Amino acid sequence: MADVQEAPVPLPSAPIVQLAGNATLQPPLTRRGYGPGLIVITPGDPPSLSETVPIIGQQETDNESDSRDFKTLDPLPQKKWAEEGYAVVQLNFGDRQQGKEEWDINTALDKAIEALRGLEACNVRDRFGLIVYGEPTDYAPEFASKLKAIYEAEARLVASVSFSADWDLSLRPELVHLAGPVANARPNTRQHYYASAKSPSFVIPSSGDFHYASASVSHTRSLSFLKPQLGGPVFDLEAIWDEHTAYEFATRSVAQTMGTMVDEPYVNHVPVLTGGVGREALTKFYRERFVFSNPADTALELVSRTVGVDRVVDEFVFSLTHDRVVDWLLPGVPPTHKHLRIPFTSVVNIRGDRLYHEHIHWDQGTTLAQAGLLPAYLPFPYALPDGRTAAPGKRFEYRVPIMGAETAAKLEDAGALASNDVFDDAVREVDV
């Protein structure tokens, strides 16, 4: 076993720069350290990036009357886009900040571009993206019309993302995420509607209207839209995922595994709810329940891989000899010494060049069946469809529709086994 007290791997960091009372610049927060430039416009004065949005299950306890659960590990927009590999100027138009002159909208975009062009970590200097949060009514009167005019006059702003069709930045390519029905079509505009979103704030983690699934899908769509317009950043997602799994299963280093992940990641093993949410909990899980708990013959055999703009989806066969307690897979089950071959699917979200989350799915039924912990037949305590009931001293049993190692064999080769044999002789009558 490796030293469980190994030093943590330092995470990317770059100090945020105060440009004006309502403007900050965050260099990229990736291991690469450089990337294209984005300008993010927000209404009001959101919490600074030094503040942490509480994670799932944590509560505020300073004021008991205000205690509430939060829904996400997602950071606020400027940090999230910096973790994606962008240099991000955030412009806040709302509450005044003391001690530094504010930029008005008439000069803000020009000064933001100037700041990005002067940043060494911003490696694309001739084109920038614009993301506008909220809707025009969240800002001062005439703000939307002024923004449109300035945007249209600034050719270096090549694409925009917004969350209300009322912005109309359609002179150049525009992506609009809507918390309501799709508006009338207009040139250069792609629109997506999110049925579960209550307001344009569904993407802001500190908002009461934050909706995780909608925010996640919209973020992926925004990445797919912006990357070609801004020339990146482009990362080798396969290499990042393979590096992470090598640290888990070959090197068996918790510190190096966590070093491949963003500040606040999570892992969810869907069938049994094992894993960890947040860096502290996930580090503890990896150290105590995962990295050093896998048997020596553990192997992953890749069947298929799909790579998206921010996700890697694998189908694979996970094999091991269950010669120890493997809590993340069979929680608390003593060693059965059975060899298991289990179909798995992993959906891995990569933010920039580090992992944000893993959603891991597998067939827990075949896991139990192969371990000898699931009977082939179970009592069927009902009448059959034709009205028959069991004879005195008898009972019906149904064949549990769960297969063993055949599931892995058929995943690897669809023609290895016949389909639909499970339909035959599904019910039997036996002595009680």
Foldseek 3Di string as FASTA:
>chain_A
DDDLPDDFDDFFDDDWADPFQFKIKGFARHPVGAEAAEEEEEEADDDDQVDADDAAPDWDDPDVVRTDGFYHRDGFDCNLQSLLHYTYMYGYAYDTGPDGHHDDLLCVVVVRLVVLLPDPRHPQNQAYEYEYFFDPVSHDPPPLVSNLVVLVVDVRHAEYEYADCVSPNQPHAYEYEYQDDDDDDDHNYDYDYDPQQDGSCCLGRVDPRPDVVSNVVVVLVVLVVVCVRRVDDDDDQVVLVVQLVCCQEPVLDLSSNCNQADQWAWEAADPPRDTAGGDVRRSCCSSPQGSVQADPPWDWAWQDWDDGSFKIKTKIWTWGQQQQQRCVQVNPDGHLRFIAIWIKIWIWGHRNRGTRYIYIYTDSLQVCVRSVNDDQKDFDQDADPVRDAADVQKTKIFGPPGDYCVVNVCSNPVPPDDPDPCVPPGMDMDGD
